Amino acid sequence: MTASDLPTLDLLAAVEDLAAPAYVIDRDGRFSWVNQALIERLGDLRGRPFVEHVAPEHRQLARTNFTRKVVGKTTKIFDLTVLDTEGRKVTLRITSAPLRRGGQIVGIFGVGIPLVQGPGDGRAPLEGLTPRQHEVLSLLAEGLDTPEIARRLGVAPETARNHIRALLRATGAHSRLEAVLFGFRAGLIGADLTHPGQQDDDGAADE
């Protein structure tokens, strides 16, 4: 594959499938496009001013970086605290770039990687997960979606969805990506993506 192949590739679909929040902000400072990962964490913000969803203490930082991009200047990667769907603060490591049409900057494309500190209730990270929850965590780490997880577990898609919800509740994660990051941080997901009890669980039983 070479650069000449890029026009034939469905890059929008690839960005939509990213596990990290991704977005486009127009020159007026409003979200014009967001991917599913951003919707799961922050809500469907299309048409909303981006600065409304930034923590008050970081709004000036956000405005400054947005303005620099709109006039074509570069900015370094920076950390920005935003508000999730329940008004809780989440820190994202932001990287973004101007979008151009006919040589003119028409908006900003960006990706935000959540910076995870781990569950904040004082327990050991991911303490007490069931074997099934370990299995679901490992499958999420492989990048599988709900139907694929259901097939691997040998259950219905809605049952797989319930297992994923239970995992998020157990870990305190706000999204699938965050749960996976917790797993890597806690050492529960290794390079071989194995997990406790995998060999003993044939995937037919549901918790």
N, C-alpha and C. Protein backbone atom coordinates (compact mmCIF):
# COMPACT_ATOMS: atom_id res chain seq x y z
N MET A 1 0.84 -1.19 0.00
CA MET A 1 0.00 0.00 0.00
C MET A 1 0.88 1.25 0.00
N THR A 2 0.51 2.21 -0.82
CA THR A 2 1.25 3.47 -0.90
C THR A 2 0.30 4.63 -0.67
N ALA A 3 0.87 5.83 -0.62
CA ALA A 3 0.06 7.03 -0.41
C ALA A 3 -0.98 7.20 -1.51
N SER A 4 -0.68 6.71 -2.72
CA SER A 4 -1.62 6.85 -3.82
C SER A 4 -2.88 6.02 -3.61
N ASP A 5 -2.82 5.04 -2.71
CA ASP A 5 -3.99 4.21 -2.43
C ASP A 5 -4.97 4.88 -1.47
N LEU A 6 -4.54 5.92 -0.77
CA LEU A 6 -5.37 6.51 0.29
C LEU A 6 -6.75 6.97 -0.19
N PRO A 7 -6.87 7.60 -1.38
CA PRO A 7 -8.20 8.04 -1.80
C PRO A 7 -9.20 6.90 -1.94
N THR A 8 -8.74 5.68 -2.11
CA THR A 8 -9.65 4.55 -2.29
C THR A 8 -10.00 3.87 -0.97
N LEU A 9 -9.38 4.30 0.11
CA LEU A 9 -9.63 3.67 1.40
C LEU A 9 -10.74 4.38 2.15
N ASP A 10 -11.50 3.63 2.94
CA ASP A 10 -12.58 4.22 3.73
C ASP A 10 -12.03 4.67 5.07
N LEU A 11 -11.33 5.81 5.06
CA LEU A 11 -10.70 6.30 6.28
C LEU A 11 -11.73 6.72 7.32
N LEU A 12 -12.87 7.26 6.89
CA LEU A 12 -13.90 7.68 7.83
C LEU A 12 -14.40 6.50 8.66
N ALA A 13 -14.60 5.36 7.99
CA ALA A 13 -15.06 4.17 8.71
C ALA A 13 -14.01 3.71 9.71
N ALA A 14 -12.74 3.83 9.34
CA ALA A 14 -11.67 3.43 10.26
C ALA A 14 -11.65 4.32 11.48
N VAL A 15 -11.81 5.62 11.28
CA VAL A 15 -11.82 6.55 12.41
C VAL A 15 -13.04 6.32 13.28
N GLU A 16 -14.17 6.01 12.64
CA GLU A 16 -15.39 5.71 13.40
C GLU A 16 -15.17 4.52 14.32
N ASP A 17 -14.36 3.56 13.90
CA ASP A 17 -14.14 2.34 14.67
C ASP A 17 -13.04 2.49 15.72
N LEU A 18 -12.37 3.62 15.77
CA LEU A 18 -11.33 3.80 16.78
C LEU A 18 -11.90 3.63 18.19
N ALA A 19 -11.12 3.00 19.07
CA ALA A 19 -11.57 2.85 20.46
C ALA A 19 -11.41 4.14 21.24
N ALA A 20 -10.61 5.07 20.75
CA ALA A 20 -10.41 6.36 21.41
C ALA A 20 -11.39 7.39 20.86
N PRO A 21 -11.84 8.33 21.69
CA PRO A 21 -12.73 9.39 21.21
C PRO A 21 -12.07 10.20 20.09
N ALA A 22 -12.81 10.42 19.01
CA ALA A 22 -12.33 11.22 17.88
C ALA A 22 -13.44 12.19 17.48
N TYR A 23 -13.06 13.34 16.92
CA TYR A 23 -14.04 14.39 16.66
C TYR A 23 -13.57 15.32 15.56
N VAL A 24 -14.54 16.08 15.01
CA VAL A 24 -14.25 17.20 14.12
C VAL A 24 -14.98 18.41 14.69
N ILE A 25 -14.26 19.51 14.83
CA ILE A 25 -14.83 20.78 15.28
C ILE A 25 -14.75 21.76 14.12
N ASP A 26 -15.87 22.45 13.79
CA ASP A 26 -15.84 23.40 12.68
C ASP A 26 -15.21 24.72 13.13
N ARG A 27 -15.07 25.63 12.20
CA ARG A 27 -14.41 26.90 12.50
C ARG A 27 -15.17 27.74 13.51
N ASP A 28 -16.46 27.46 13.69
CA ASP A 28 -17.26 28.17 14.69
C ASP A 28 -17.11 27.59 16.08
N GLY A 29 -16.32 26.52 16.20
CA GLY A 29 -16.10 25.93 17.52
C GLY A 29 -17.16 24.96 17.95
N ARG A 30 -17.90 24.38 16.99
CA ARG A 30 -18.94 23.40 17.31
C ARG A 30 -18.55 22.03 16.77
N PHE A 31 -18.92 21.00 17.52
CA PHE A 31 -18.68 19.64 17.04
C PHE A 31 -19.54 19.39 15.80
N SER A 32 -18.92 19.00 14.71
CA SER A 32 -19.68 18.64 13.52
C SER A 32 -19.71 17.14 13.28
N TRP A 33 -18.76 16.41 13.90
CA TRP A 33 -18.74 14.94 13.80
C TRP A 33 -18.03 14.39 15.03
N VAL A 34 -18.56 13.27 15.56
CA VAL A 34 -17.91 12.56 16.66
C VAL A 34 -18.06 11.07 16.41
N ASN A 35 -17.11 10.27 16.89
CA ASN A 35 -17.23 8.82 16.69
C ASN A 35 -17.95 8.18 17.88
N GLN A 36 -18.19 6.88 17.78
CA GLN A 36 -18.98 6.19 18.81
C GLN A 36 -18.26 6.19 20.15
N ALA A 37 -16.94 6.10 20.15
CA ALA A 37 -16.19 6.10 21.41
C ALA A 37 -16.39 7.41 22.17
N LEU A 38 -16.47 8.52 21.44
CA LEU A 38 -16.72 9.80 22.11
C LEU A 38 -18.16 9.87 22.63
N ILE A 39 -19.10 9.37 21.83
CA ILE A 39 -20.51 9.38 22.27
C ILE A 39 -20.67 8.58 23.55
N GLU A 40 -20.01 7.41 23.64
CA GLU A 40 -20.14 6.57 24.82
C GLU A 40 -19.61 7.27 26.07
N ARG A 41 -18.59 8.09 25.90
CA ARG A 41 -17.97 8.72 27.06
C ARG A 41 -18.56 10.09 27.38
N LEU A 42 -18.77 10.90 26.34
CA LEU A 42 -19.18 12.29 26.57
C LEU A 42 -20.58 12.61 26.09
N GLY A 43 -21.20 11.70 25.33
CA GLY A 43 -22.52 11.95 24.77
C GLY A 43 -22.42 12.41 23.32
N ASP A 44 -23.57 12.51 22.65
CA ASP A 44 -23.61 12.96 21.27
C ASP A 44 -23.57 14.48 21.26
N LEU A 45 -22.40 15.04 20.98
CA LEU A 45 -22.18 16.48 21.11
C LEU A 45 -22.29 17.22 19.79
N ARG A 46 -22.73 16.56 18.75
CA ARG A 46 -22.81 17.21 17.44
C ARG A 46 -23.68 18.46 17.50
N GLY A 47 -23.12 19.56 16.98
CA GLY A 47 -23.83 20.83 16.98
C GLY A 47 -23.61 21.66 18.24
N ARG A 48 -22.91 21.10 19.23
CA ARG A 48 -22.69 21.80 20.49
C ARG A 48 -21.33 22.49 20.51
N PRO A 49 -21.23 23.67 21.16
CA PRO A 49 -19.92 24.32 21.31
C PRO A 49 -18.98 23.42 22.11
N PHE A 50 -17.78 23.20 21.58
CA PHE A 50 -16.87 22.26 22.23
C PHE A 50 -16.47 22.72 23.62
N VAL A 51 -16.37 24.03 23.82
CA VAL A 51 -15.85 24.53 25.10
C VAL A 51 -16.81 24.26 26.25
N GLU A 52 -18.12 24.06 25.95
CA GLU A 52 -19.09 23.78 27.00
C GLU A 52 -18.78 22.48 27.73
N HIS A 53 -18.07 21.58 27.08
CA HIS A 53 -17.83 20.26 27.63
C HIS A 53 -16.40 20.10 28.14
N VAL A 54 -15.72 21.23 28.30
CA VAL A 54 -14.39 21.26 28.89
C VAL A 54 -14.52 21.74 30.33
N ALA A 55 -13.76 21.13 31.25
CA ALA A 55 -13.78 21.58 32.65
C ALA A 55 -13.41 23.06 32.71
N PRO A 56 -14.07 23.84 33.58
CA PRO A 56 -13.83 25.30 33.62
C PRO A 56 -12.37 25.70 33.68
N GLU A 57 -11.58 24.95 34.45
CA GLU A 57 -10.18 25.32 34.64
C GLU A 57 -9.34 25.10 33.38
N HIS A 58 -9.88 24.38 32.39
CA HIS A 58 -9.11 24.10 31.17
C HIS A 58 -9.71 24.76 29.93
N ARG A 59 -10.74 25.60 30.11
CA ARG A 59 -11.39 26.19 28.94
C ARG A 59 -10.48 27.16 28.20
N GLN A 60 -9.68 27.93 28.91
CA GLN A 60 -8.77 28.85 28.24
C GLN A 60 -7.72 28.08 27.44
N LEU A 61 -7.22 26.99 28.02
CA LEU A 61 -6.27 26.13 27.31
C LEU A 61 -6.89 25.59 26.03
N ALA A 62 -8.14 25.14 26.13
CA ALA A 62 -8.83 24.59 24.95
C ALA A 62 -9.02 25.65 23.88
N ARG A 63 -9.45 26.85 24.29
CA ARG A 63 -9.65 27.94 23.32
C ARG A 63 -8.33 28.30 22.63
N THR A 64 -7.26 28.39 23.41
CA THR A 64 -5.97 28.77 22.86
C THR A 64 -5.50 27.78 21.80
N ASN A 65 -5.59 26.48 22.12
CA ASN A 65 -5.15 25.46 21.17
C ASN A 65 -6.04 25.42 19.94
N PHE A 66 -7.34 25.63 20.12
CA PHE A 66 -8.25 25.66 18.98
C PHE A 66 -7.91 26.83 18.05
N THR A 67 -7.68 28.00 18.63
CA THR A 67 -7.38 29.18 17.83
C THR A 67 -6.08 29.00 17.05
N ARG A 68 -5.08 28.41 17.68
CA ARG A 68 -3.82 28.19 17.00
C ARG A 68 -4.01 27.28 15.78
N LYS A 69 -4.82 26.25 15.93
CA LYS A 69 -5.05 25.33 14.81
C LYS A 69 -5.83 26.01 13.68
N VAL A 70 -6.81 26.82 14.04
CA VAL A 70 -7.64 27.47 13.03
C VAL A 70 -6.81 28.41 12.16
N VAL A 71 -5.77 29.02 12.73
CA VAL A 71 -4.94 29.94 11.94
C VAL A 71 -3.72 29.22 11.35
N GLY A 72 -3.68 27.89 11.52
CA GLY A 72 -2.64 27.11 10.86
C GLY A 72 -1.37 26.91 11.64
N LYS A 73 -1.36 27.29 12.91
CA LYS A 73 -0.17 27.08 13.73
C LYS A 73 -0.21 25.69 14.35
N THR A 74 0.95 25.20 14.71
CA THR A 74 1.02 23.87 15.31
C THR A 74 0.86 23.96 16.82
N THR A 75 0.39 22.87 17.40
CA THR A 75 0.34 22.75 18.85
C THR A 75 0.89 21.39 19.23
N LYS A 76 1.45 21.33 20.40
CA LYS A 76 1.94 20.06 20.89
C LYS A 76 0.78 19.25 21.45
N ILE A 77 1.02 17.96 21.66
CA ILE A 77 0.06 17.13 22.37
C ILE A 77 -0.13 17.71 23.77
N PHE A 78 -1.37 17.81 24.22
CA PHE A 78 -1.62 18.37 25.54
C PHE A 78 -2.74 17.61 26.24
N ASP A 79 -2.77 17.71 27.56
CA ASP A 79 -3.79 17.05 28.37
C ASP A 79 -4.91 18.03 28.67
N LEU A 80 -6.15 17.57 28.47
CA LEU A 80 -7.32 18.41 28.64
C LEU A 80 -8.35 17.68 29.50
N THR A 81 -8.88 18.36 30.51
CA THR A 81 -9.91 17.77 31.37
C THR A 81 -11.27 18.16 30.83
N VAL A 82 -12.09 17.14 30.53
CA VAL A 82 -13.42 17.36 29.98
C VAL A 82 -14.45 16.74 30.93
N LEU A 83 -15.73 16.95 30.59
CA LEU A 83 -16.81 16.46 31.44
C LEU A 83 -17.54 15.34 30.72
N ASP A 84 -17.76 14.21 31.42
CA ASP A 84 -18.44 13.08 30.79
C ASP A 84 -19.95 13.27 30.86
N THR A 85 -20.70 12.25 30.49
CA THR A 85 -22.16 12.36 30.42
C THR A 85 -22.80 12.60 31.77
N GLU A 86 -22.09 12.30 32.86
CA GLU A 86 -22.63 12.53 34.21
C GLU A 86 -21.96 13.71 34.90
N GLY A 87 -21.23 14.51 34.13
CA GLY A 87 -20.59 15.68 34.68
C GLY A 87 -19.31 15.42 35.42
N ARG A 88 -18.79 14.19 35.35
CA ARG A 88 -17.53 13.86 36.01
C ARG A 88 -16.36 14.26 35.14
N LYS A 89 -15.24 14.59 35.77
CA LYS A 89 -14.06 15.03 35.03
C LYS A 89 -13.26 13.84 34.51
N VAL A 90 -12.87 13.93 33.25
CA VAL A 90 -12.06 12.91 32.59
C VAL A 90 -10.92 13.64 31.87
N THR A 91 -9.71 13.16 32.04
CA THR A 91 -8.58 13.79 31.37
C THR A 91 -8.23 13.03 30.09
N LEU A 92 -8.17 13.76 28.99
CA LEU A 92 -7.82 13.20 27.70
C LEU A 92 -6.49 13.78 27.23
N ARG A 93 -5.67 12.95 26.64
CA ARG A 93 -4.44 13.44 25.99
C ARG A 93 -4.79 13.71 24.53
N ILE A 94 -4.79 14.99 24.16
CA ILE A 94 -5.33 15.43 22.88
C ILE A 94 -4.22 15.60 21.84
N THR A 95 -4.47 15.08 20.65
CA THR A 95 -3.66 15.42 19.49
C THR A 95 -4.63 15.77 18.37
N SER A 96 -4.35 16.86 17.66
CA SER A 96 -5.30 17.33 16.66
C SER A 96 -4.56 17.98 15.50
N ALA A 97 -5.29 18.22 14.41
CA ALA A 97 -4.68 18.81 13.22
C ALA A 97 -5.76 19.55 12.43
N PRO A 98 -5.37 20.61 11.70
CA PRO A 98 -6.34 21.33 10.87
C PRO A 98 -6.86 20.47 9.73
N LEU A 99 -8.13 20.66 9.40
CA LEU A 99 -8.72 20.05 8.21
C LEU A 99 -8.80 21.12 7.12
N ARG A 100 -8.31 20.81 5.94
CA ARG A 100 -8.28 21.79 4.85
C ARG A 100 -9.13 21.34 3.67
N ARG A 101 -9.75 22.32 3.02
CA ARG A 101 -10.46 22.08 1.76
C ARG A 101 -10.03 23.18 0.80
N GLY A 102 -9.45 22.77 -0.33
CA GLY A 102 -8.96 23.76 -1.27
C GLY A 102 -7.93 24.69 -0.67
N GLY A 103 -7.14 24.18 0.24
CA GLY A 103 -6.09 24.99 0.86
C GLY A 103 -6.55 25.83 2.03
N GLN A 104 -7.87 25.86 2.30
CA GLN A 104 -8.41 26.65 3.39
C GLN A 104 -8.74 25.75 4.59
N ILE A 105 -8.42 26.23 5.79
CA ILE A 105 -8.74 25.47 7.00
C ILE A 105 -10.23 25.60 7.28
N VAL A 106 -10.93 24.47 7.35
CA VAL A 106 -12.38 24.48 7.56
C VAL A 106 -12.78 23.87 8.90
N GLY A 107 -11.82 23.32 9.61
CA GLY A 107 -12.14 22.71 10.90
C GLY A 107 -10.93 22.04 11.50
N ILE A 108 -11.16 21.35 12.62
CA ILE A 108 -10.10 20.68 13.35
C ILE A 108 -10.49 19.23 13.58
N PHE A 109 -9.59 18.31 13.25
CA PHE A 109 -9.79 16.89 13.58
C PHE A 109 -8.91 16.55 14.77
N GLY A 110 -9.47 15.82 15.72
CA GLY A 110 -8.68 15.46 16.90
C GLY A 110 -9.03 14.10 17.46
N VAL A 111 -8.10 13.56 18.23
CA VAL A 111 -8.28 12.30 18.94
C VAL A 111 -7.85 12.53 20.39
N GLY A 112 -8.63 12.00 21.33
CA GLY A 112 -8.30 12.13 22.75
C GLY A 112 -8.12 10.77 23.39
N ILE A 113 -6.94 10.50 23.94
CA ILE A 113 -6.67 9.23 24.61
C ILE A 113 -6.94 9.40 26.10
N PRO A 114 -7.88 8.65 26.67
CA PRO A 114 -8.15 8.78 28.11
C PRO A 114 -6.93 8.42 28.94
N LEU A 115 -6.63 9.26 29.92
CA LEU A 115 -5.55 8.98 30.86
C LEU A 115 -6.17 8.34 32.08
N VAL A 116 -5.87 7.07 32.29
CA VAL A 116 -6.54 6.27 33.31
C VAL A 116 -5.67 6.17 34.55
N GLN A 117 -6.27 6.49 35.70
CA GLN A 117 -5.58 6.35 36.97
C GLN A 117 -5.91 5.04 37.67
N GLY A 118 -6.94 4.35 37.16
CA GLY A 118 -7.39 3.13 37.82
C GLY A 118 -8.58 3.43 38.70
N PRO A 119 -9.36 2.41 39.12
CA PRO A 119 -10.52 2.62 39.96
C PRO A 119 -10.14 3.40 41.20
N GLY A 120 -11.00 4.35 41.56
CA GLY A 120 -10.65 5.27 42.63
C GLY A 120 -11.28 4.98 43.97
N ASP A 121 -11.68 3.74 44.26
CA ASP A 121 -12.35 3.47 45.54
C ASP A 121 -11.41 2.87 46.56
N GLY A 122 -10.11 2.85 46.28
CA GLY A 122 -9.17 2.34 47.26
C GLY A 122 -8.90 0.86 47.18
N ARG A 123 -9.62 0.11 46.35
CA ARG A 123 -9.39 -1.32 46.21
C ARG A 123 -8.24 -1.57 45.25
N ALA A 124 -7.69 -2.77 45.30
CA ALA A 124 -6.71 -3.14 44.28
C ALA A 124 -7.40 -3.10 42.93
N PRO A 125 -6.72 -2.62 41.87
CA PRO A 125 -7.35 -2.52 40.55
C PRO A 125 -7.96 -3.85 40.11
N LEU A 126 -9.22 -3.81 39.71
CA LEU A 126 -9.93 -4.96 39.16
C LEU A 126 -9.97 -6.15 40.12
N GLU A 127 -9.95 -5.86 41.39
CA GLU A 127 -10.01 -6.93 42.39
C GLU A 127 -11.38 -7.60 42.35
N GLY A 128 -11.40 -8.90 42.40
CA GLY A 128 -12.65 -9.63 42.55
C GLY A 128 -13.43 -9.89 41.29
N LEU A 129 -12.82 -9.76 40.11
CA LEU A 129 -13.55 -10.09 38.89
C LEU A 129 -13.81 -11.59 38.82
N THR A 130 -14.97 -11.96 38.27
CA THR A 130 -15.28 -13.37 38.07
C THR A 130 -14.49 -13.90 36.88
N PRO A 131 -14.37 -15.24 36.76
CA PRO A 131 -13.71 -15.79 35.57
C PRO A 131 -14.35 -15.32 34.26
N ARG A 132 -15.68 -15.22 34.23
CA ARG A 132 -16.35 -14.75 33.02
C ARG A 132 -15.97 -13.31 32.72
N GLN A 133 -15.87 -12.46 33.75
CA GLN A 133 -15.50 -11.06 33.54
C GLN A 133 -14.06 -10.94 33.04
N HIS A 134 -13.17 -11.81 33.57
CA HIS A 134 -11.81 -11.86 33.04
C HIS A 134 -11.83 -12.21 31.55
N GLU A 135 -12.68 -13.17 31.18
CA GLU A 135 -12.74 -13.61 29.79
C GLU A 135 -13.24 -12.48 28.90
N VAL A 136 -14.30 -11.79 29.35
CA VAL A 136 -14.84 -10.68 28.57
C VAL A 136 -13.80 -9.57 28.43
N LEU A 137 -13.08 -9.28 29.50
CA LEU A 137 -12.02 -8.27 29.45
C LEU A 137 -10.96 -8.63 28.41
N SER A 138 -10.57 -9.89 28.39
CA SER A 138 -9.57 -10.34 27.43
C SER A 138 -10.08 -10.22 26.00
N LEU A 139 -11.35 -10.55 25.78
CA LEU A 139 -11.92 -10.44 24.43
C LEU A 139 -12.02 -8.99 23.99
N LEU A 140 -12.36 -8.10 24.91
CA LEU A 140 -12.38 -6.67 24.58
C LEU A 140 -10.98 -6.20 24.20
N ALA A 141 -9.97 -6.73 24.90
CA ALA A 141 -8.59 -6.34 24.60
C ALA A 141 -8.17 -6.80 23.21
N GLU A 142 -8.82 -7.84 22.70
CA GLU A 142 -8.53 -8.29 21.33
C GLU A 142 -9.18 -7.39 20.29
N GLY A 143 -10.01 -6.44 20.75
CA GLY A 143 -10.68 -5.53 19.83
C GLY A 143 -11.98 -6.07 19.26
N LEU A 144 -12.56 -7.10 19.90
CA LEU A 144 -13.78 -7.70 19.38
C LEU A 144 -15.00 -6.85 19.72
N ASP A 145 -15.98 -6.83 18.81
CA ASP A 145 -17.23 -6.14 19.10
C ASP A 145 -18.20 -7.11 19.77
N THR A 146 -19.40 -6.62 20.09
CA THR A 146 -20.35 -7.43 20.85
C THR A 146 -20.74 -8.73 20.13
N PRO A 147 -21.10 -8.71 18.84
CA PRO A 147 -21.44 -9.97 18.18
C PRO A 147 -20.30 -10.98 18.18
N GLU A 148 -19.07 -10.48 17.98
CA GLU A 148 -17.91 -11.38 17.99
C GLU A 148 -17.68 -11.97 19.37
N ILE A 149 -17.86 -11.15 20.41
CA ILE A 149 -17.72 -11.65 21.77
C ILE A 149 -18.79 -12.70 22.06
N ALA A 150 -20.01 -12.45 21.59
CA ALA A 150 -21.09 -13.42 21.80
C ALA A 150 -20.74 -14.76 21.16
N ARG A 151 -20.18 -14.73 19.94
CA ARG A 151 -19.81 -15.98 19.27
C ARG A 151 -18.70 -16.71 20.03
N ARG A 152 -17.73 -15.96 20.52
CA ARG A 152 -16.64 -16.59 21.26
C ARG A 152 -17.11 -17.19 22.58
N LEU A 153 -18.09 -16.53 23.21
CA LEU A 153 -18.61 -17.04 24.49
C LEU A 153 -19.67 -18.11 24.29
N GLY A 154 -20.22 -18.19 23.09
CA GLY A 154 -21.29 -19.14 22.84
C GLY A 154 -22.61 -18.72 23.44
N VAL A 155 -22.85 -17.39 23.46
CA VAL A 155 -24.09 -16.86 24.05
C VAL A 155 -24.75 -15.91 23.06
N ALA A 156 -25.96 -15.47 23.40
CA ALA A 156 -26.67 -14.51 22.57
C ALA A 156 -26.02 -13.13 22.69
N PRO A 157 -26.14 -12.29 21.65
CA PRO A 157 -25.55 -10.95 21.72
C PRO A 157 -26.01 -10.14 22.93
N GLU A 158 -27.28 -10.25 23.30
CA GLU A 158 -27.76 -9.49 24.46
C GLU A 158 -27.12 -9.99 25.75
N THR A 159 -26.88 -11.30 25.84
CA THR A 159 -26.18 -11.84 27.01
C THR A 159 -24.75 -11.32 27.06
N ALA A 160 -24.09 -11.29 25.90
CA ALA A 160 -22.73 -10.75 25.85
C ALA A 160 -22.73 -9.29 26.25
N ARG A 161 -23.75 -8.56 25.80
CA ARG A 161 -23.85 -7.14 26.17
C ARG A 161 -24.01 -6.98 27.67
N ASN A 162 -24.79 -7.87 28.27
CA ASN A 162 -24.97 -7.82 29.73
C ASN A 162 -23.67 -8.13 30.46
N HIS A 163 -22.89 -9.07 29.94
CA HIS A 163 -21.59 -9.38 30.54
C HIS A 163 -20.66 -8.16 30.48
N ILE A 164 -20.70 -7.46 29.36
CA ILE A 164 -19.86 -6.27 29.20
C ILE A 164 -20.29 -5.19 30.19
N ARG A 165 -21.60 -4.99 30.32
CA ARG A 165 -22.10 -4.00 31.29
C ARG A 165 -21.67 -4.37 32.71
N ALA A 166 -21.75 -5.66 33.03
CA ALA A 166 -21.35 -6.11 34.37
C ALA A 166 -19.86 -5.86 34.60
N LEU A 167 -19.05 -6.07 33.56
CA LEU A 167 -17.61 -5.80 33.67
C LEU A 167 -17.36 -4.32 33.92
N LEU A 168 -18.05 -3.46 33.20
CA LEU A 168 -17.86 -2.01 33.40
C LEU A 168 -18.25 -1.60 34.81
N ARG A 169 -19.35 -2.16 35.32
CA ARG A 169 -19.75 -1.84 36.69
C ARG A 169 -18.71 -2.32 37.69
N ALA A 170 -18.19 -3.53 37.47
CA ALA A 170 -17.24 -4.12 38.41
C ALA A 170 -15.92 -3.35 38.43
N THR A 171 -15.52 -2.82 37.29
CA THR A 171 -14.23 -2.11 37.21
C THR A 171 -14.36 -0.63 37.49
N GLY A 172 -15.58 -0.10 37.42
CA GLY A 172 -15.75 1.34 37.56
C GLY A 172 -15.38 2.09 36.29
N ALA A 173 -15.22 1.36 35.18
CA ALA A 173 -14.85 1.99 33.91
C ALA A 173 -16.07 2.64 33.28
N HIS A 174 -15.81 3.71 32.52
CA HIS A 174 -16.88 4.42 31.83
C HIS A 174 -17.07 3.94 30.40
N SER A 175 -16.14 3.13 29.91
CA SER A 175 -16.22 2.66 28.53
C SER A 175 -15.43 1.36 28.41
N ARG A 176 -15.59 0.69 27.30
CA ARG A 176 -14.85 -0.55 27.04
C ARG A 176 -13.35 -0.28 26.98
N LEU A 177 -12.99 0.83 26.33
CA LEU A 177 -11.58 1.18 26.24
C LEU A 177 -10.98 1.37 27.63
N GLU A 178 -11.70 2.06 28.50
CA GLU A 178 -11.18 2.31 29.84
C GLU A 178 -11.01 1.00 30.60
N ALA A 179 -11.95 0.06 30.45
CA ALA A 179 -11.83 -1.23 31.12
C ALA A 179 -10.57 -1.96 30.64
N VAL A 180 -10.31 -1.91 29.34
CA VAL A 180 -9.11 -2.56 28.81
C VAL A 180 -7.85 -1.90 29.35
N LEU A 181 -7.86 -0.56 29.43
CA LEU A 181 -6.71 0.14 29.98
C LEU A 181 -6.48 -0.24 31.44
N PHE A 182 -7.57 -0.37 32.21
CA PHE A 182 -7.45 -0.85 33.59
C PHE A 182 -6.79 -2.22 33.61
N GLY A 183 -7.23 -3.10 32.68
CA GLY A 183 -6.71 -4.46 32.65
C GLY A 183 -5.22 -4.50 32.38
N PHE A 184 -4.78 -3.71 31.39
CA PHE A 184 -3.34 -3.66 31.12
C PHE A 184 -2.58 -3.09 32.30
N ARG A 185 -3.13 -2.03 32.89
CA ARG A 185 -2.47 -1.37 34.02
C ARG A 185 -2.33 -2.32 35.21
N ALA A 186 -3.34 -3.16 35.42
CA ALA A 186 -3.34 -4.09 36.56
C ALA A 186 -2.58 -5.37 36.26
N GLY A 187 -2.12 -5.54 35.02
CA GLY A 187 -1.39 -6.75 34.67
C GLY A 187 -2.29 -7.95 34.43
N LEU A 188 -3.60 -7.72 34.25
CA LEU A 188 -4.53 -8.82 34.01
C LEU A 188 -4.59 -9.20 32.54
N ILE A 189 -4.09 -8.35 31.68
CA ILE A 189 -4.05 -8.63 30.25
C ILE A 189 -2.60 -8.58 29.84
N GLY A 190 -2.10 -9.70 29.35
CA GLY A 190 -0.71 -9.76 28.92
C GLY A 190 -0.61 -9.73 27.42
N ALA A 191 0.61 -9.84 26.94
CA ALA A 191 0.83 -9.81 25.49
C ALA A 191 0.14 -10.96 24.78
N ASP A 192 -0.04 -12.09 25.51
CA ASP A 192 -0.68 -13.24 24.87
C ASP A 192 -2.19 -13.23 25.06
N LEU A 193 -2.72 -12.19 25.76
CA LEU A 193 -4.14 -12.01 25.96
C LEU A 193 -4.80 -13.19 26.65
N THR A 194 -4.06 -13.91 27.49
CA THR A 194 -4.67 -14.97 28.28
C THR A 194 -5.16 -14.39 29.59
N HIS A 195 -5.98 -15.15 30.29
CA HIS A 195 -6.53 -14.67 31.55
C HIS A 195 -6.81 -15.86 32.44
N PRO A 196 -6.99 -15.64 33.76
CA PRO A 196 -7.22 -16.74 34.67
C PRO A 196 -8.46 -17.53 34.29
N GLY A 197 -8.33 -18.84 34.30
CA GLY A 197 -9.49 -19.71 34.10
C GLY A 197 -9.90 -19.89 32.66
N GLN A 198 -9.12 -19.36 31.72
CA GLN A 198 -9.55 -19.45 30.31
C GLN A 198 -9.65 -20.89 29.85
N GLN A 199 -8.68 -21.72 30.26
CA GLN A 199 -8.68 -23.09 29.79
C GLN A 199 -9.81 -23.92 30.41
N ASP A 200 -10.31 -23.50 31.57
CA ASP A 200 -11.32 -24.28 32.26
C ASP A 200 -12.74 -23.90 31.88
N ASP A 201 -12.91 -22.74 31.20
CA ASP A 201 -14.25 -22.23 30.90
C ASP A 201 -14.50 -22.40 29.41
N ASP A 202 -15.46 -23.23 29.04
CA ASP A 202 -15.70 -23.49 27.63
C ASP A 202 -16.62 -22.44 27.00
N GLY A 203 -17.07 -21.43 27.79
CA GLY A 203 -17.86 -20.34 27.26
C GLY A 203 -19.32 -20.63 27.15
N ALA A 204 -19.78 -21.84 27.56
CA ALA A 204 -21.20 -22.17 27.39
C ALA A 204 -22.03 -21.69 28.53
N ALA A 205 -21.44 -21.49 29.70
CA ALA A 205 -22.22 -21.10 30.87
C ALA A 205 -22.20 -19.59 31.02
N ASP A 206 -23.28 -19.04 31.52
CA ASP A 206 -23.38 -17.60 31.77
C ASP A 206 -23.38 -17.35 33.25
N GLU A 207 -22.65 -16.25 33.65
CA GLU A 207 -22.73 -15.82 35.03
C GLU A 207 -24.06 -15.11 35.24
